Structure formats: C-alpha cells, structure tokens
PDB file of N, CA and C in Angstrom:
ATOM      1  N   UNK A   1      12.380  14.268 -35.442  1.00  0.00           N
ATOM      2  CA  UNK A   1      12.276  14.296 -34.225  1.00  0.00           C
ATOM      3  C   UNK A   1      11.715  15.628 -32.590  1.00  0.00           C
ATOM      4  N   UNK A   2      11.303  15.566 -32.035  1.00  0.00           N
ATOM      5  CA  UNK A   2      11.402  16.975 -31.698  1.00  0.00           C
ATOM      6  C   UNK A   2      11.199  16.478 -30.058  1.00  0.00           C
ATOM      7  N   UNK A   3      11.486  17.475 -28.821  1.00  0.00           N
ATOM      8  CA  UNK A   3      11.068  17.099 -27.939  1.00  0.00           C
ATOM      9  C   UNK A   3      10.727  18.128 -27.093  1.00  0.00           C
ATOM     10  N   UNK A   4      10.431  17.925 -25.510  1.00  0.00           N
ATOM     11  CA  UNK A   4       9.877  18.738 -24.860  1.00  0.00           C
ATOM     12  C   UNK A   4      10.568  18.106 -23.590  1.00  0.00           C
ATOM     13  N   UNK A   5      10.337  20.152 -23.073  1.00  0.00           N
ATOM     14  CA  UNK A   5      10.925  20.597 -22.246  1.00  0.00           C
ATOM     15  C   UNK A   5       9.941  19.736 -20.941  1.00  0.00           C
ATOM     16  N   UNK A   6       9.604  19.793 -19.711  1.00  0.00           N
ATOM     17  CA  UNK A   6       8.491  20.359 -19.221  1.00  0.00           C
ATOM     18  C   UNK A   6       9.356  20.738 -17.701  1.00  0.00           C
ATOM     19  N   UNK A   7       8.686  21.873 -16.864  1.00  0.00           N
ATOM     20  CA  UNK A   7       9.339  22.237 -15.493  1.00  0.00           C
ATOM     21  C   UNK A   7       8.374  22.222 -15.281  1.00  0.00           C
ATOM     22  N   UNK A   8       8.188  21.882 -14.076  1.00  0.00           N
ATOM     23  CA  UNK A   8       7.403  21.817 -12.764  1.00  0.00           C
ATOM     24  C   UNK A   8       7.293  22.458 -11.650  1.00  0.00           C
ATOM     25  N   UNK A   9       6.600  23.737 -11.028  1.00  0.00           N
ATOM     26  CA  UNK A   9       7.051  23.747 -10.044  1.00  0.00           C
ATOM     27  C   UNK A   9       6.021  23.370  -8.968  1.00  0.00           C
ATOM     28  N   UNK A  10       6.832  22.722  -7.814  1.00  0.00           N
ATOM     29  CA  UNK A  10       6.491  21.849  -7.002  1.00  0.00           C
ATOM     30  C   UNK A  10       5.689  22.688  -5.880  1.00  0.00           C
ATOM     31  N   UNK A  11       4.533  22.940  -5.091  1.00  0.00           N
ATOM     32  CA  UNK A  11       3.750  24.010  -4.065  1.00  0.00           C
ATOM     33  C   UNK A  11       4.518  23.552  -3.110  1.00  0.00           C
ATOM     34  N   UNK A  12       4.600  24.145  -2.076  1.00  0.00           N
ATOM     35  CA  UNK A  12       5.613  24.117  -1.142  1.00  0.00           C
ATOM     36  C   UNK A  12       5.251  22.713  -0.344  1.00  0.00           C
ATOM     37  N   UNK A  13       6.667  22.554  -0.227  1.00  0.00           N
ATOM     38  CA  UNK A  13       6.311  20.751   0.995  1.00  0.00           C
ATOM     39  C   UNK A  13       6.329  20.111   0.108  1.00  0.00           C
ATOM     40  N   UNK A  14       5.885  20.376  -1.434  1.00  0.00           N
ATOM     41  CA  UNK A  14       4.992  19.108  -1.586  1.00  0.00           C
ATOM     42  C   UNK A  14       6.543  18.433  -3.361  1.00  0.00           C
ATOM     43  N   UNK A  15       7.820  18.741  -3.066  1.00  0.00           N
ATOM     44  CA  UNK A  15       8.917  18.049  -3.982  1.00  0.00           C
ATOM     45  C   UNK A  15       9.003  17.086  -3.809  1.00  0.00           C
ATOM     46  N   UNK A  16       8.857  16.883  -2.875  1.00  0.00           N
ATOM     47  CA  UNK A  16       8.767  14.403  -2.143  1.00  0.00           C
ATOM     48  C   UNK A  16       8.188  14.094  -3.346  1.00  0.00           C
ATOM     49  N   UNK A  17       7.202  14.616  -2.550  1.00  0.00           N
ATOM     50  CA  UNK A  17       5.444  13.329  -3.737  1.00  0.00           C
ATOM     51  C   UNK A  17       5.547  13.512  -5.096  1.00  0.00           C
ATOM     52  N   UNK A  18       5.569  15.121  -5.296  1.00  0.00           N
ATOM     53  CA  UNK A  18       6.060  14.646  -6.691  1.00  0.00           C
ATOM     54  C   UNK A  18       6.860  13.941  -7.335  1.00  0.00           C
ATOM     55  N   UNK A  19       7.453  13.907  -6.664  1.00  0.00           N
ATOM     56  CA  UNK A  19       9.806  12.692  -7.357  1.00  0.00           C
ATOM     57  C   UNK A  19       8.525  11.371  -7.579  1.00  0.00           C
ATOM     58  N   UNK A  20       7.559  11.035  -6.263  1.00  0.00           N
ATOM     59  CA  UNK A  20       7.770  10.093  -5.968  1.00  0.00           C
ATOM     60  C   UNK A  20       5.605   9.787  -6.308  1.00  0.00           C
ATOM     61  N   UNK A  21       5.495  10.820  -7.115  1.00  0.00           N
ATOM     62  CA  UNK A  21       4.296   9.872  -8.021  1.00  0.00           C
ATOM     63  C   UNK A  21       4.974   9.299  -9.326  1.00  0.00           C
ATOM     64  N   UNK A  22       6.209  10.541  -9.811  1.00  0.00           N
ATOM     65  CA  UNK A  22       6.734  10.491 -11.351  1.00  0.00           C
ATOM     66  C   UNK A  22       6.847   8.908 -11.088  1.00  0.00           C
ATOM     67  N   UNK A  23       8.168   8.674  -9.296  1.00  0.00           N
ATOM     68  CA  UNK A  23       9.062   7.139  -9.013  1.00  0.00           C
ATOM     69  C   UNK A  23       8.083   6.279  -8.997  1.00  0.00           C
ATOM     70  N   UNK A  24       6.527   6.468  -8.345  1.00  0.00           N
ATOM     71  CA  UNK A  24       6.196   4.864  -8.205  1.00  0.00           C
ATOM     72  C   UNK A  24       4.774   5.604  -9.291  1.00  0.00           C
ATOM     73  N   UNK A  25       4.795   5.547 -10.223  1.00  0.00           N
ATOM     74  CA  UNK A  25       3.252   5.662 -10.750  1.00  0.00           C
ATOM     75  C   UNK A  25       3.784   6.065 -12.498  1.00  0.00           C
ATOM     76  N   UNK A  26       3.899   7.413 -12.400  1.00  0.00           N
ATOM     77  CA  UNK A  26       4.245   7.593 -14.372  1.00  0.00           C
ATOM     78  C   UNK A  26       4.597   7.374 -14.886  1.00  0.00           C
ATOM     79  N   UNK A  27       6.353   6.972 -14.589  1.00  0.00           N
ATOM     80  CA  UNK A  27       7.096   6.349 -15.721  1.00  0.00           C
ATOM     81  C   UNK A  27       6.070   5.089 -16.161  1.00  0.00           C
ATOM     82  N   UNK A  28       5.952   4.434 -15.534  1.00  0.00           N
ATOM     83  CA  UNK A  28       5.045   3.373 -15.516  1.00  0.00           C
ATOM     84  C   UNK A  28       3.907   3.008 -16.387  1.00  0.00           C
ATOM     85  N   UNK A  29       3.727   4.382 -16.044  1.00  0.00           N
ATOM     86  CA  UNK A  29       2.287   4.274 -17.492  1.00  0.00           C
ATOM     87  C   UNK A  29       2.457   5.663 -18.294  1.00  0.00           C
ATOM     88  N   UNK A  30       3.918   6.636 -18.057  1.00  0.00           N
ATOM     89  CA  UNK A  30       4.085   6.611 -19.550  1.00  0.00           C
ATOM     90  C   UNK A  30       4.489   5.129 -19.937  1.00  0.00           C
ATOM     91  N   UNK A  31       5.161   4.397 -19.610  1.00  0.00           N
ATOM     92  CA  UNK A  31       5.518   3.670 -21.009  1.00  0.00           C
ATOM     93  C   UNK A  31       4.302   2.465 -21.258  1.00  0.00           C
ATOM     94  N   UNK A  32       3.445   1.868 -20.919  1.00  0.00           N
ATOM     95  CA  UNK A  32       2.308   1.329 -21.422  1.00  0.00           C
ATOM     96  C   UNK A  32       1.686   2.673 -22.658  1.00  0.00           C
ATOM     97  N   UNK A  33       2.119   3.882 -22.195  1.00  0.00           N
ATOM     98  CA  UNK A  33       1.316   5.286 -23.398  1.00  0.00           C
ATOM     99  C   UNK A  33       3.158   5.248 -24.258  1.00  0.00           C
ATOM    100  N   UNK A  34       3.745   4.770 -24.539  1.00  0.00           N
ATOM    101  CA  UNK A  34       4.791   5.191 -25.486  1.00  0.00           C
ATOM    102  C   UNK A  34       5.522   6.229 -25.582  1.00  0.00           C
ATOM    103  N   UNK A  35       5.419   6.955 -24.132  1.00  0.00           N
ATOM    104  CA  UNK A  35       5.525   8.683 -24.351  1.00  0.00           C
ATOM    105  C   UNK A  35       7.303   8.443 -23.807  1.00  0.00           C
ATOM    106  N   UNK A  36       8.086   8.541 -24.378  1.00  0.00           N
ATOM    107  CA  UNK A  36       8.824   8.360 -24.361  1.00  0.00           C
ATOM    108  C   UNK A  36      10.489   9.676 -24.028  1.00  0.00           C
ATOM    109  N   UNK A  37      10.975   9.086 -22.029  1.00  0.00           N
ATOM    110  CA  UNK A  37      12.054  10.000 -21.389  1.00  0.00           C
ATOM    111  C   UNK A  37      12.515   9.978 -21.706  1.00  0.00           C
ATOM    112  N   UNK A  38      13.620  11.458 -21.685  1.00  0.00           N
ATOM    113  CA  UNK A  38      14.919  11.097 -21.773  1.00  0.00           C
ATOM    114  C   UNK A  38      15.029  11.140 -20.981  1.00  0.00           C
ATOM    115  N   UNK A  39      14.932  12.917 -19.643  1.00  0.00           N
ATOM    116  CA  UNK A  39      15.553  12.772 -18.451  1.00  0.00           C
ATOM    117  C   UNK A  39      14.863  13.194 -17.527  1.00  0.00           C
ATOM    118  N   UNK A  40      14.744  12.756 -16.391  1.00  0.00           N
ATOM    119  CA  UNK A  40      15.286  14.096 -15.311  1.00  0.00           C
ATOM    120  C   UNK A  40      15.821  14.549 -14.328  1.00  0.00           C
ATOM    121  N   UNK A  41      15.376  15.792 -14.416  1.00  0.00           N
ATOM    122  CA  UNK A  41      17.049  15.933 -13.457  1.00  0.00           C
ATOM    123  C   UNK A  41      16.180  17.118 -12.605  1.00  0.00           C
ATOM    124  N   UNK A  42      17.064  17.676 -11.424  1.00  0.00           N
ATOM    125  CA  UNK A  42      16.223  18.968 -10.489  1.00  0.00           C
ATOM    126  C   UNK A  42      17.266  20.340 -10.699  1.00  0.00           C
ATOM    127  N   UNK A  43      17.854  20.848  -9.738  1.00  0.00           N
ATOM    128  CA  UNK A  43      18.809  21.984 -10.297  1.00  0.00           C
ATOM    129  C   UNK A  43      19.687  22.133  -8.890  1.00  0.00           C
ATOM    130  N   UNK A  44      20.791  21.456  -9.393  1.00  0.00           N
ATOM    131  CA  UNK A  44      22.482  21.531  -8.300  1.00  0.00           C
ATOM    132  C   UNK A  44      22.747  23.543  -8.517  1.00  0.00           C
ATOM    133  N   UNK A  45      22.953  24.254  -9.890  1.00  0.00           N
ATOM    134  CA  UNK A  45      22.585  25.203  -9.429  1.00  0.00           C
ATOM    135  C   UNK A  45      22.077  26.174  -9.782  1.00  0.00           C
ATOM    136  N   UNK A  46      21.455  26.949  -9.804  1.00  0.00           N
ATOM    137  CA  UNK A  46      21.032  28.592 -10.530  1.00  0.00           C
ATOM    138  C   UNK A  46      19.936  27.657 -10.718  1.00  0.00           C
ATOM    139  N   UNK A  47      18.571  28.523 -11.225  1.00  0.00           N
ATOM    140  CA  UNK A  47      17.433  27.424 -11.061  1.00  0.00           C
ATOM    141  C   UNK A  47      16.836  27.810  -9.598  1.00  0.00           C
ATOM    142  N   UNK A  48      15.302  27.021  -9.661  1.00  0.00           N
ATOM    143  CA  UNK A  48      15.130  27.075  -8.610  1.00  0.00           C
ATOM    144  C   UNK A  48      15.529  25.562  -7.059  1.00  0.00           C
ATOM    145  N   UNK A  49      15.008  25.895  -6.104  1.00  0.00           N
ATOM    146  CA  UNK A  49      15.101  24.343  -5.170  1.00  0.00           C
ATOM    147  C   UNK A  49      13.949  24.068  -5.727  1.00  0.00           C
ATOM    148  N   UNK A  50      12.536  24.429  -6.150  1.00  0.00           N
ATOM    149  CA  UNK A  50      11.256  23.775  -5.816  1.00  0.00           C
ATOM    150  C   UNK A  50      11.110  23.474  -7.100  1.00  0.00           C
ATOM    151  N   UNK A  51      12.212  22.675  -8.657  1.00  0.00           N
ATOM    152  CA  UNK A  51      10.946  22.465  -9.809  1.00  0.00           C
ATOM    153  C   UNK A  51      11.950  20.726 -10.294  1.00  0.00           C
ATOM    154  N   UNK A  52      11.313  20.646 -11.369  1.00  0.00           N
ATOM    155  CA  UNK A  52      11.221  19.273 -11.644  1.00  0.00           C
ATOM    156  C   UNK A  52      11.085  20.040 -12.503  1.00  0.00           C
ATOM    157  N   UNK A  53      12.277  19.114 -13.916  1.00  0.00           N
ATOM    158  CA  UNK A  53      12.204  18.954 -14.808  1.00  0.00           C
ATOM    159  C   UNK A  53      12.196  18.425 -15.590  1.00  0.00           C
ATOM    160  N   UNK A  54      11.988  17.816 -16.440  1.00  0.00           N
ATOM    161  CA  UNK A  54      12.024  16.348 -17.484  1.00  0.00           C
ATOM    162  C   UNK A  54      11.933  17.172 -19.133  1.00  0.00           C
ATOM    163  N   UNK A  55      12.289  15.677 -19.411  1.00  0.00           N
ATOM    164  CA  UNK A  55      12.387  15.900 -20.848  1.00  0.00           C
ATOM    165  C   UNK A  55      11.881  14.527 -21.374  1.00  0.00           C
ATOM    166  N   UNK A  56      11.540  14.588 -22.969  1.00  0.00           N
ATOM    167  CA  UNK A  56      10.438  13.935 -23.227  1.00  0.00           C
ATOM    168  C   UNK A  56      10.957  13.979 -25.100  1.00  0.00           C
ATOM    169  N   UNK A  57      10.930  12.707 -25.432  1.00  0.00           N
ATOM    170  CA  UNK A  57      11.277  13.079 -27.105  1.00  0.00           C
ATOM    171  C   UNK A  57       9.858  12.104 -27.341  1.00  0.00           C
ATOM    172  N   UNK A  58       9.476  12.887 -29.196  1.00  0.00           N
ATOM    173  CA  UNK A  58       8.306  12.439 -29.791  1.00  0.00           C
ATOM    174  C   UNK A  58       8.826  12.257 -31.394  1.00  0.00           C
ATOM    175  N   UNK A  59       7.962  12.227 -32.059  1.00  0.00           N
ATOM    176  CA  UNK A  59       8.674  11.611 -33.884  1.00  0.00           C
ATOM    177  C   UNK A  59       8.566  13.522 -34.302  1.00  0.00           C
ATOM    178  N   UNK A  60       7.273  13.760 -33.982  1.00  0.00           N
ATOM    179  CA  UNK A  60       6.860  14.829 -34.499  1.00  0.00           C
ATOM    180  C   UNK A  60       5.681  15.230 -33.776  1.00  0.00           C
ATOM    181  N   UNK A  61       5.276  16.229 -33.885  1.00  0.00           N
ATOM    182  CA  UNK A  61       3.688  17.232 -32.787  1.00  0.00           C
ATOM    183  C   UNK A  61       2.812  15.974 -32.385  1.00  0.00           C
ATOM    184  N   UNK A  62       2.549  15.183 -34.602  1.00  0.00           N
ATOM    185  CA  UNK A  62       1.264  14.132 -34.267  1.00  0.00           C
ATOM    186  C   UNK A  62       0.719  13.318 -33.387  1.00  0.00           C
ATOM    187  N   UNK A  63       2.592  13.222 -33.435  1.00  0.00           N
ATOM    188  CA  UNK A  63       2.857  11.554 -31.944  1.00  0.00           C
ATOM    189  C   UNK A  63       2.482  12.147 -30.897  1.00  0.00           C
ATOM    190  N   UNK A  64       3.355  13.242 -30.863  1.00  0.00           N
ATOM    191  CA  UNK A  64       3.140  13.759 -29.059  1.00  0.00           C
ATOM    192  C   UNK A  64       1.711  14.200 -28.518  1.00  0.00           C
ATOM    193  N   UNK A  65       0.908  14.843 -29.684  1.00  0.00           N
ATOM    194  CA  UNK A  65      -0.486  15.329 -29.666  1.00  0.00           C
ATOM    195  C   UNK A  65      -1.245  13.907 -29.422  1.00  0.00           C
ATOM    196  N   UNK A  66      -1.221  12.472 -29.705  1.00  0.00           N
ATOM    197  CA  UNK A  66      -1.692  11.558 -29.592  1.00  0.00           C
ATOM    198  C   UNK A  66      -1.320  10.524 -28.399  1.00  0.00           C
ATOM    199  N   UNK A  67       0.157  10.358 -28.222  1.00  0.00           N
ATOM    200  CA  UNK A  67       0.668  10.174 -26.881  1.00  0.00           C
ATOM    201  C   UNK A  67       0.157  10.744 -25.264  1.00  0.00           C
ATOM    202  N   UNK A  68       0.114  11.673 -25.392  1.00  0.00           N
ATOM    203  CA  UNK A  68      -0.223  12.194 -24.020  1.00  0.00           C
ATOM    204  C   UNK A  68      -2.393  12.609 -24.281  1.00  0.00           C
ATOM    205  N   UNK A  69      -2.526  12.612 -25.360  1.00  0.00           N
ATOM    206  CA  UNK A  69      -4.160  12.058 -25.640  1.00  0.00           C
ATOM    207  C   UNK A  69      -5.004  10.524 -24.351  1.00  0.00           C
ATOM    208  N   UNK A  70      -3.554   9.726 -25.133  1.00  0.00           N
ATOM    209  CA  UNK A  70      -3.864   8.499 -24.738  1.00  0.00           C
ATOM    210  C   UNK A  70      -3.540   8.428 -23.263  1.00  0.00           C
ATOM    211  N   UNK A  71      -2.196   9.504 -23.085  1.00  0.00           N
ATOM    212  CA  UNK A  71      -2.234   9.323 -21.476  1.00  0.00           C
ATOM    213  C   UNK A  71      -3.067   9.316 -20.557  1.00  0.00           C
ATOM    214  N   UNK A  72      -3.678  11.310 -20.968  1.00  0.00           N
ATOM    215  CA  UNK A  72      -4.021  11.681 -19.942  1.00  0.00           C
ATOM    216  C   UNK A  72      -5.366  11.049 -20.216  1.00  0.00           C
ATOM    217  N   UNK A  73      -5.810  10.485 -20.607  1.00  0.00           N
ATOM    218  CA  UNK A  73      -7.333   9.324 -20.364  1.00  0.00           C
ATOM    219  C   UNK A  73      -7.632   8.351 -20.266  1.00  0.00           C
ATOM    220  N   UNK A  74      -5.827   7.956 -19.387  1.00  0.00           N
ATOM    221  CA  UNK A  74      -5.543   6.909 -19.096  1.00  0.00           C
ATOM    222  C   UNK A  74      -6.777   6.407 -17.438  1.00  0.00           C
ATOM    223  N   UNK A  75      -6.558   5.486 -17.258  1.00  0.00           N
ATOM    224  CA  UNK A  75      -7.927   5.856 -16.144  1.00  0.00           C
ATOM    225  C   UNK A  75      -6.404   5.481 -14.319  1.00  0.00           C
ATOM    226  N   UNK A  76      -6.025   4.243 -14.685  1.00  0.00           N
ATOM    227  CA  UNK A  76      -5.103   4.652 -13.968  1.00  0.00           C
ATOM    228  C   UNK A  76      -4.289   5.893 -13.612  1.00  0.00           C
ATOM    229  N   UNK A  77      -4.068   6.835 -14.313  1.00  0.00           N
ATOM    230  CA  UNK A  77      -3.933   8.422 -15.190  1.00  0.00           C
ATOM    231  C   UNK A  77      -4.483   8.780 -13.379  1.00  0.00           C
ATOM    232  N   UNK A  78      -5.570   8.636 -14.418  1.00  0.00           N
ATOM    233  CA  UNK A  78      -6.612  10.007 -13.374  1.00  0.00           C
ATOM    234  C   UNK A  78      -7.047   9.400 -11.589  1.00  0.00           C
ATOM    235  N   UNK A  79      -6.661   8.458 -12.239  1.00  0.00           N
ATOM    236  CA  UNK A  79      -6.956   7.833 -10.142  1.00  0.00           C
ATOM    237  C   UNK A  79      -5.675   8.169  -9.472  1.00  0.00           C
ATOM    238  N   UNK A  80      -3.876   7.918 -10.165  1.00  0.00           N
ATOM    239  CA  UNK A  80      -2.744   8.183  -8.847  1.00  0.00           C
ATOM    240  C   UNK A  80      -3.246  10.084  -8.745  1.00  0.00           C
ATOM    241  N   UNK A  81      -3.560  10.355 -10.049  1.00  0.00           N
ATOM    242  CA  UNK A  81      -4.118  12.298 -10.035  1.00  0.00           C
ATOM    243  C   UNK A  81      -4.688  12.784  -8.720  1.00  0.00           C
ATOM    244  N   UNK A  82      -5.568  12.112  -8.870  1.00  0.00           N
ATOM    245  CA  UNK A  82      -7.143  12.515  -7.809  1.00  0.00           C
ATOM    246  C   UNK A  82      -6.569  11.794  -6.453  1.00  0.00           C
ATOM    247  N   UNK A  83      -5.793  10.635  -5.467  1.00  0.00           N
ATOM    248  CA  UNK A  83      -5.003   9.999  -4.839  1.00  0.00           C
ATOM    249  C   UNK A  83      -4.133  11.317  -5.068  1.00  0.00           C
ATOM    250  N   UNK A  84      -3.017  12.001  -5.686  1.00  0.00           N
ATOM    251  CA  UNK A  84      -2.153  13.331  -4.798  1.00  0.00           C
ATOM    252  C   UNK A  84      -2.401  14.137  -4.667  1.00  0.00           C
ATOM    253  N   UNK A  85      -3.540  14.109  -5.337  1.00  0.00           N
ATOM    254  CA  UNK A  85      -4.102  15.876  -5.118  1.00  0.00           C
ATOM    255  C   UNK A  85      -4.981  15.780  -3.903  1.00  0.00           C
ATOM    256  N   UNK A  86      -5.320  14.892  -2.985  1.00  0.00           N
ATOM    257  CA  UNK A  86      -6.087  14.651  -1.911  1.00  0.00           C
ATOM    258  C   UNK A  86      -5.653  15.977  -0.814  1.00  0.00           C
ATOM    259  N   UNK A  87      -4.979  16.617  -0.926  1.00  0.00           N
ATOM    260  CA  UNK A  87      -4.438  17.626   0.397  1.00  0.00           C
ATOM    261  C   UNK A  87      -4.425  18.935  -0.473  1.00  0.00           C
ATOM    262  N   UNK A  88      -4.340  18.722  -1.783  1.00  0.00           N
ATOM    263  CA  UNK A  88      -3.459  20.168  -2.876  1.00  0.00           C
ATOM    264  C   UNK A  88      -2.783  19.549  -3.517  1.00  0.00           C
ATOM    265  N   UNK A  89      -2.891  20.311  -4.998  1.00  0.00           N
ATOM    266  CA  UNK A  89      -2.321  20.243  -6.237  1.00  0.00           C
ATOM    267  C   UNK A  89      -0.763  19.837  -5.738  1.00  0.00           C
ATOM    268  N   UNK A  90       0.309  19.269  -5.876  1.00  0.00           N
ATOM    269  CA  UNK A  90       1.645  19.341  -6.506  1.00  0.00           C
ATOM    270  C   UNK A  90       2.392  20.475  -6.437  1.00  0.00           C
ATOM    271  N   UNK A  91       1.477  20.749  -7.476  1.00  0.00           N
ATOM    272  CA  UNK A  91       1.973  22.177  -7.744  1.00  0.00           C
ATOM    273  C   UNK A  91       1.669  23.023  -8.489  1.00  0.00           C
ATOM    274  N   UNK A  92       2.916  24.006  -8.446  1.00  0.00           N
ATOM    275  CA  UNK A  92       1.537  25.497  -8.280  1.00  0.00           C
ATOM    276  C   UNK A  92       1.666  25.939  -9.724  1.00  0.00           C
ATOM    277  N   UNK A  93       2.561  26.175 -10.010  1.00  0.00           N
ATOM    278  CA  UNK A  93       3.041  25.917 -12.808  1.00  0.00           C
ATOM    279  C   UNK A  93       3.435  24.672 -13.327  1.00  0.00           C
ATOM    280  N   UNK A  94       3.564  24.816 -14.264  1.00  0.00           N
ATOM    281  CA  UNK A  94       3.643  24.283 -14.736  1.00  0.00           C
ATOM    282  C   UNK A  94       4.213  24.022 -17.172  1.00  0.00           C
ATOM    283  N   UNK A  95       5.579  24.259 -17.258  1.00  0.00           N
ATOM    284  CA  UNK A  95       5.609  24.812 -17.992  1.00  0.00           C
ATOM    285  C   UNK A  95       5.798  24.064 -19.111  1.00  0.00           C
ATOM    286  N   UNK A  96       5.327  23.933 -20.439  1.00  0.00           N
ATOM    287  CA  UNK A  96       6.427  23.407 -21.657  1.00  0.00           C
ATOM    288  C   UNK A  96       7.004  23.451 -22.437  1.00  0.00           C
ATOM    289  N   UNK A  97       7.727  23.456 -22.941  1.00  0.00           N
ATOM    290  CA  UNK A  97       8.410  24.508 -24.597  1.00  0.00           C
ATOM    291  C   UNK A  97       9.479  22.466 -25.440  1.00  0.00           C
ATOM    292  N   UNK A  98       8.690  23.448 -26.107  1.00  0.00           N
ATOM    293  CA  UNK A  98       8.946  22.440 -27.956  1.00  0.00           C
ATOM    294  C   UNK A  98       9.778  22.402 -28.439  1.00  0.00           C
ATOM    295  N   UNK A  99      10.999  20.697 -28.407  1.00  0.00           N
ATOM    296  CA  UNK A  99      12.472  22.412 -28.207  1.00  0.00           C
ATOM    297  C   UNK A  99      12.696  21.193 -30.365  1.00  0.00           C
ATOM    298  N   UNK A 100      13.277  22.223 -30.902  1.00  0.00           N
ATOM    299  CA  UNK A 100      13.094  21.375 -32.003  1.00  0.00           C
ATOM    300  C   UNK A 100      15.264  21.276 -31.873  1.00  0.00           C
ATOM    301  N   UNK A 101      16.159  19.713 -32.422  1.00  0.00           N
ATOM    302  CA  UNK A 101      17.231  20.541 -32.537  1.00  0.00           C
ATOM    303  C   UNK A 101      17.805  20.931 -33.996  1.00  0.00           C
ATOM    304  N   UNK A 102      18.383  21.933 -33.839  1.00  0.00           N
ATOM    305  CA  UNK A 102      19.821  22.596 -34.442  1.00  0.00           C
ATOM    306  C   UNK A 102      20.052  21.646 -35.402  1.00  0.00           C
ATOM    307  N   UNK A 103      19.953  21.697 -36.766  1.00  0.00           N
ATOM    308  CA  UNK A 103      20.174  20.536 -37.874  1.00  0.00           C
ATOM    309  C   UNK A 103      21.801  19.973 -37.760  1.00  0.00           C
ATOM    310  N   UNK A 104      22.924  20.298 -36.736  1.00  0.00           N
ATOM    311  CA  UNK A 104      23.969  19.946 -36.275  1.00  0.00           C
ATOM    312  C   UNK A 104      24.293  19.245 -35.254  1.00  0.00           C
ATOM    313  N   UNK A 105      22.739  19.552 -34.763  1.00  0.00           N
ATOM    314  CA  UNK A 105      23.272  18.642 -33.494  1.00  0.00           C
ATOM    315  C   UNK A 105      23.401  16.893 -33.288  1.00  0.00           C
ATOM    316  N   UNK A 106      23.983  16.871 -31.956  1.00  0.00           N
ATOM    317  CA  UNK A 106      24.244  15.466 -32.261  1.00  0.00           C
ATOM    318  C   UNK A 106      22.874  14.710 -31.748  1.00  0.00           C
ATOM    319  N   UNK A 107      21.608  14.967 -31.701  1.00  0.00           N
ATOM    320  CA  UNK A 107      20.324  14.522 -30.852  1.00  0.00           C
ATOM    321  C   UNK A 107      20.030  14.383 -32.776  1.00  0.00           C
ATOM    322  N   UNK A 108      19.343  12.803 -32.028  1.00  0.00           N
ATOM    323  CA  UNK A 108      17.784  12.285 -33.334  1.00  0.00           C
ATOM    324  C   UNK A 108      17.069  13.328 -33.903  1.00  0.00           C
TER     325      UNK A 108
END
C-alpha cells in the first residue's frame, strides 16, 4: 500500500470554491474511478491558511497511475474543471508526495 499526500494552495479568495469543488463534484468522481480517499484537512495550527491537504491510498504505483489516468480522462471531470476555472484557476500550486508506510506502522 502507498499513500499520496496532496497539498493544494488556493488562489487568493478561492479556498471556499476549492472546498466546494471537492465536496460537490470531485469526491463522487473519485469514487467512480476507485480512487480511495483517506481524508481531507486544513491547518488548525502551523501550515498556511490557504491550503487544503488530502491523502489518497493505492495498492502500488501502477494502481495509482491507472486510477489517476482514468480520472483525468473523465468527461464530467473535464467539464467540472472548465467550469470551476471560468474566473481563473482555483489553485496557485499543487504538491504531490508519495508515502510508503514503515514496516512498524499501524497503517496497512
């Protein structure tokens, strides 16, 4: 099992719209493509107030590649992105880190 930690830095004034896109569209489309979401977070302390952080889980890198490719090719997702970017991008930066649990980690 591997985990992908993704950090989105919202464009000025767009964090609410970024949350809405995940809540109203992205999660449903993720589920359709078998993308496993561990959770979503914002910083309660430390970090930046304009960041949304979430974690995904995958069997391995091949599983990750296949599921992301399927998701990114989804016609509904493409329409959601186009609509949400009508007044400019919702993010200024996106970071992706791949994590593998240590052998003693309680996570699978």
